[in-house]
Every structure is written in structure tokens, then in C-alpha cells.
């Protein structure tokens, strides 16, 4: 992993769109089926919208029917941090970018069993997509 990114609140607000700020810095959630990447089927890399760190490959993306982009695993174990989340009267596991600590979404144990059984449910607003170039 590369060096941690730490910005002031004012710097984050200037860098991110209001929706990105609400998700990445305030642990918000975008509306289901409203994000840019839920239906994206192109090959490429999903990166943190806050710092550009590669997080999820299109090779691990699947249609969970949840309304948010879903992945079976991050690109590498150190790309994301998983933190116990007891907000909203539930116990869940929050997923954050390990480089900038931006909130990405949550991970659940209801993913495809033949691929590890996890579903990383990630907000499109927390991501940028770099399409794989055709060679």
C-alpha cells in the first residue's frame, strides 16, 4: 500500500463532489439502483474516488440485485480496512479505503459461496472506474 492520504475537512470538501463527500467522509449511503456503477459491465479497475487507490477489479464484480455495485473481494487484502459498525441498530462490517480511510460501504456474508461467500456492497459515489484498454 502507498502512503496514507490525510487532508483537512476543507480540503476534502474542495476535492470531492457533495455526494462523494457525504459517502466517503460522512459514511453516507447513496440511493439503491441510483449509482453510476451498479450496472457497469466493462472490464477495468474500480478506484477510490478520494485518493485513487485501486480497490476492486471488474473480475470480482457480480450482480447481487442489491442496487449497489458488489464484489467478492478487494484487489488485495490491504486495499481496504474492515471495521465493526453498530450504527442504525445493526451490527455490520464497514469497509473503508485503507489509504484515505474513506467510507466505501459494507461487507456481508451472503455473496457467491463458490467465490468465498462475501459481498462487498460498495457505493458508486465512493468509486472512480478506469476501463481496461483494449489491446
C-alpha atoms as a PDB file:
ATOM      1  CA  UNK A   1       0.000   0.000   0.000  1.00  0.00           C
ATOM      2  CA  UNK A   2       1.134   3.512  -0.715  1.00  0.00           C
ATOM      3  CA  UNK A   3       1.434   6.312   1.827  1.00  0.00           C
ATOM      4  CA  UNK A   4      -1.695   7.381   3.754  1.00  0.00           C
ATOM      5  CA  UNK A   5      -3.621  10.380   2.445  1.00  0.00           C
ATOM      6  CA  UNK A   6      -4.702  12.857   5.108  1.00  0.00           C
ATOM      7  CA  UNK A   7      -6.496  16.058   4.193  1.00  0.00           C
ATOM      8  CA  UNK A   8      -8.349  18.610   6.273  1.00  0.00           C
ATOM      9  CA  UNK A   9     -12.130  18.668   6.137  1.00  0.00           C
ATOM     10  CA  UNK A  10     -11.973  21.795   3.975  1.00  0.00           C
ATOM     11  CA  UNK A  11      -9.583  20.087   1.552  1.00  0.00           C
ATOM     12  CA  UNK A  12     -11.880  17.049   1.268  1.00  0.00           C
ATOM     13  CA  UNK A  13     -14.880  19.307   0.625  1.00  0.00           C
ATOM     14  CA  UNK A  14     -12.980  21.126  -2.133  1.00  0.00           C
ATOM     15  CA  UNK A  15     -11.751  17.878  -3.737  1.00  0.00           C
ATOM     16  CA  UNK A  16     -14.989  15.838  -3.709  1.00  0.00           C
ATOM     17  CA  UNK A  17     -18.469  16.384  -5.087  1.00  0.00           C
ATOM     18  CA  UNK A  18     -21.158  16.847  -2.408  1.00  0.00           C
ATOM     19  CA  UNK A  19     -22.336  13.235  -2.924  1.00  0.00           C
ATOM     20  CA  UNK A  20     -18.789  11.855  -2.747  1.00  0.00           C
ATOM     21  CA  UNK A  21     -18.146  13.871   0.415  1.00  0.00           C
ATOM     22  CA  UNK A  22     -21.363  12.612   2.047  1.00  0.00           C
ATOM     23  CA  UNK A  23     -20.412   8.989   1.333  1.00  0.00           C
ATOM     24  CA  UNK A  24     -16.627   8.986   1.761  1.00  0.00           C
ATOM     25  CA  UNK A  25     -16.242  11.423   4.659  1.00  0.00           C
ATOM     26  CA  UNK A  26     -19.617  11.159   6.449  1.00  0.00           C
ATOM     27  CA  UNK A  27     -20.328   7.426   5.939  1.00  0.00           C
ATOM     28  CA  UNK A  28     -23.428   8.152   3.887  1.00  0.00           C
ATOM     29  CA  UNK A  29     -25.179   5.780   1.501  1.00  0.00           C
ATOM     30  CA  UNK A  30     -26.365   6.572  -1.986  1.00  0.00           C
ATOM     31  CA  UNK A  31     -29.849   5.599  -3.124  1.00  0.00           C
ATOM     32  CA  UNK A  32     -30.167   1.961  -4.235  1.00  0.00           C
ATOM     33  CA  UNK A  33     -30.110   1.445  -8.018  1.00  0.00           C
ATOM     34  CA  UNK A  34     -29.062   5.090  -8.466  1.00  0.00           C
ATOM     35  CA  UNK A  35     -25.280   4.802  -8.622  1.00  0.00           C
ATOM     36  CA  UNK A  36     -23.190   5.002 -11.772  1.00  0.00           C
ATOM     37  CA  UNK A  37     -21.546   1.594 -11.408  1.00  0.00           C
ATOM     38  CA  UNK A  38     -24.284  -0.807 -10.290  1.00  0.00           C
ATOM     39  CA  UNK A  39     -24.953  -1.900 -13.880  1.00  0.00           C
ATOM     40  CA  UNK A  40     -21.429  -1.310 -15.253  1.00  0.00           C
ATOM     41  CA  UNK A  41     -20.180  -4.447 -17.023  1.00  0.00           C
ATOM     42  CA  UNK A  42     -16.976  -3.038 -18.568  1.00  0.00           C
ATOM     43  CA  UNK A  43     -13.616  -4.584 -17.701  1.00  0.00           C
ATOM     44  CA  UNK A  44     -11.354  -2.459 -15.558  1.00  0.00           C
ATOM     45  CA  UNK A  45     -10.395  -1.253 -12.098  1.00  0.00           C
ATOM     46  CA  UNK A  46     -12.549   0.476  -9.504  1.00  0.00           C
ATOM     47  CA  UNK A  47     -10.503   3.018  -7.561  1.00  0.00           C
ATOM     48  CA  UNK A  48     -11.193   5.154  -4.504  1.00  0.00           C
ATOM     49  CA  UNK A  49     -12.790   8.449  -5.578  1.00  0.00           C
ATOM     50  CA  UNK A  50     -10.997  10.132  -2.704  1.00  0.00           C
ATOM     51  CA  UNK A  51      -7.399   9.088  -3.279  1.00  0.00           C
ATOM     52  CA  UNK A  52      -7.209   6.944  -6.429  1.00  0.00           C
ATOM     53  CA  UNK A  53      -6.157   3.738  -4.664  1.00  0.00           C
ATOM     54  CA  UNK A  54      -7.107   0.587  -6.655  1.00  0.00           C
ATOM     55  CA  UNK A  55      -9.795  -1.227  -4.654  1.00  0.00           C
ATOM     56  CA  UNK A  56     -11.845  -3.696  -6.717  1.00  0.00           C
ATOM     57  CA  UNK A  57     -11.368  -5.396 -10.076  1.00  0.00           C
ATOM     58  CA  UNK A  58     -14.231  -5.880 -12.507  1.00  0.00           C
ATOM     59  CA  UNK A  59     -13.228  -9.563 -12.428  1.00  0.00           C
ATOM     60  CA  UNK A  60     -14.704  -9.848  -8.900  1.00  0.00           C
ATOM     61  CA  UNK A  61     -17.863  -7.788  -9.629  1.00  0.00           C
ATOM     62  CA  UNK A  62     -21.216  -9.560  -9.681  1.00  0.00           C
ATOM     63  CA  UNK A  63     -24.886  -8.606  -9.822  1.00  0.00           C
ATOM     64  CA  UNK A  64     -26.193  -9.079  -6.293  1.00  0.00           C
ATOM     65  CA  UNK A  65     -29.542  -7.438  -7.022  1.00  0.00           C
ATOM     66  CA  UNK A  66     -28.990  -5.127  -4.035  1.00  0.00           C
ATOM     67  CA  UNK A  67     -28.828  -1.905  -6.065  1.00  0.00           C
ATOM     68  CA  UNK A  68     -25.164  -1.224  -5.292  1.00  0.00           C
ATOM     69  CA  UNK A  69     -22.025  -2.474  -7.030  1.00  0.00           C
ATOM     70  CA  UNK A  70     -20.991  -5.758  -5.396  1.00  0.00           C
ATOM     71  CA  UNK A  71     -17.658  -7.564  -5.389  1.00  0.00           C
ATOM     72  CA  UNK A  72     -16.442 -10.866  -3.961  1.00  0.00           C
ATOM     73  CA  UNK A  73     -13.071  -9.466  -2.810  1.00  0.00           C
ATOM     74  CA  UNK A  74     -10.871  -6.361  -2.869  1.00  0.00           C
ATOM     75  CA  UNK A  75      -7.858  -6.285  -5.214  1.00  0.00           C
ATOM     76  CA  UNK A  76      -5.604  -7.156  -2.301  1.00  0.00           C
ATOM     77  CA  UNK A  77      -6.193  -7.681   1.390  1.00  0.00           C
ATOM     78  CA  UNK A  78      -4.554  -4.405   2.367  1.00  0.00           C
ATOM     79  CA  UNK A  79      -6.558  -2.203  -0.042  1.00  0.00           C
ATOM     80  CA  UNK A  80      -9.486  -1.939   2.359  1.00  0.00           C
ATOM     81  CA  UNK A  81      -9.996  -1.913   6.110  1.00  0.00           C
ATOM     82  CA  UNK A  82     -12.933  -3.637   7.741  1.00  0.00           C
ATOM     83  CA  UNK A  83     -14.381  -2.062  10.884  1.00  0.00           C
ATOM     84  CA  UNK A  84     -17.232  -3.171  13.157  1.00  0.00           C
ATOM     85  CA  UNK A  85     -20.208  -0.853  12.636  1.00  0.00           C
ATOM     86  CA  UNK A  86     -23.020  -0.779  15.213  1.00  0.00           C
ATOM     87  CA  UNK A  87     -24.862   2.245  13.810  1.00  0.00           C
ATOM     88  CA  UNK A  88     -28.554   2.209  12.875  1.00  0.00           C
ATOM     89  CA  UNK A  89     -29.366  -0.540  15.389  1.00  0.00           C
ATOM     90  CA  UNK A  90     -27.452  -3.187  13.409  1.00  0.00           C
ATOM     91  CA  UNK A  91     -24.114  -4.933  13.658  1.00  0.00           C
ATOM     92  CA  UNK A  92     -22.347  -4.779  10.297  1.00  0.00           C
ATOM     93  CA  UNK A  93     -18.824  -4.616   8.939  1.00  0.00           C
ATOM     94  CA  UNK A  94     -17.934  -1.273   7.387  1.00  0.00           C
ATOM     95  CA  UNK A  95     -15.446  -1.171   4.513  1.00  0.00           C
ATOM     96  CA  UNK A  96     -13.043   1.777   4.258  1.00  0.00           C
ATOM     97  CA  UNK A  97     -10.235   2.657   1.884  1.00  0.00           C
ATOM     98  CA  UNK A  98      -7.026   1.753   3.704  1.00  0.00           C
ATOM     99  CA  UNK A  99      -5.167   4.683   2.145  1.00  0.00           C
ATOM    100  CA  UNK A 100      -7.510   7.635   2.894  1.00  0.00           C
ATOM    101  CA  UNK A 101      -9.945   5.991   5.333  1.00  0.00           C
ATOM    102  CA  UNK A 102     -12.911   6.938   3.143  1.00  0.00           C
ATOM    103  CA  UNK A 103     -16.155   5.057   3.782  1.00  0.00           C
ATOM    104  CA  UNK A 104     -16.903   2.735   0.863  1.00  0.00           C
ATOM    105  CA  UNK A 105     -19.816   0.609   2.060  1.00  0.00           C
ATOM    106  CA  UNK A 106     -20.192  -2.682   3.949  1.00  0.00           C
ATOM    107  CA  UNK A 107     -19.284  -6.344   3.543  1.00  0.00           C
ATOM    108  CA  UNK A 108     -21.820  -9.110   4.134  1.00  0.00           C
ATOM    109  CA  UNK A 109     -21.512 -12.921   4.335  1.00  0.00           C
ATOM    110  CA  UNK A 110     -24.126 -13.553   1.626  1.00  0.00           C
ATOM    111  CA  UNK A 111     -22.016 -13.480  -1.527  1.00  0.00           C
ATOM    112  CA  UNK A 112     -21.420 -16.302  -4.008  1.00  0.00           C
ATOM    113  CA  UNK A 113     -20.404 -19.377  -1.994  1.00  0.00           C
ATOM    114  CA  UNK A 114     -18.092 -20.663  -4.714  1.00  0.00           C
ATOM    115  CA  UNK A 115     -16.113 -17.381  -4.554  1.00  0.00           C
ATOM    116  CA  UNK A 116     -15.612 -17.074  -0.797  1.00  0.00           C
ATOM    117  CA  UNK A 117     -19.141 -16.173   0.278  1.00  0.00           C
ATOM    118  CA  UNK A 118     -18.579 -12.429   0.749  1.00  0.00           C
ATOM    119  CA  UNK A 119     -20.435  -9.500  -0.820  1.00  0.00           C
ATOM    120  CA  UNK A 120     -18.619  -6.176  -0.698  1.00  0.00           C
ATOM    121  CA  UNK A 121     -21.541  -3.784  -1.167  1.00  0.00           C
ATOM    122  CA  UNK A 122     -19.925  -0.509  -2.267  1.00  0.00           C
ATOM    123  CA  UNK A 123     -21.326   2.937  -3.051  1.00  0.00           C
ATOM    124  CA  UNK A 124     -20.700   4.080  -6.640  1.00  0.00           C
ATOM    125  CA  UNK A 125     -20.053   7.595  -5.293  1.00  0.00           C
ATOM    126  CA  UNK A 126     -17.010   6.243  -3.435  1.00  0.00           C
ATOM    127  CA  UNK A 127     -15.504   4.921  -6.667  1.00  0.00           C
ATOM    128  CA  UNK A 128     -13.925   6.012  -9.913  1.00  0.00           C
ATOM    129  CA  UNK A 129     -13.693   3.485 -12.745  1.00  0.00           C
ATOM    130  CA  UNK A 130     -10.717   3.053 -15.042  1.00  0.00           C
ATOM    131  CA  UNK A 131     -11.725   0.977 -18.039  1.00  0.00           C
ATOM    132  CA  UNK A 132      -9.228  -1.596 -19.239  1.00  0.00           C
ATOM    133  CA  UNK A 133      -7.886  -0.576 -22.626  1.00  0.00           C
ATOM    134  CA  UNK A 134      -8.382  -2.997 -25.484  1.00  0.00           C
ATOM    135  CA  UNK A 135      -5.083  -4.216 -26.898  1.00  0.00           C
END
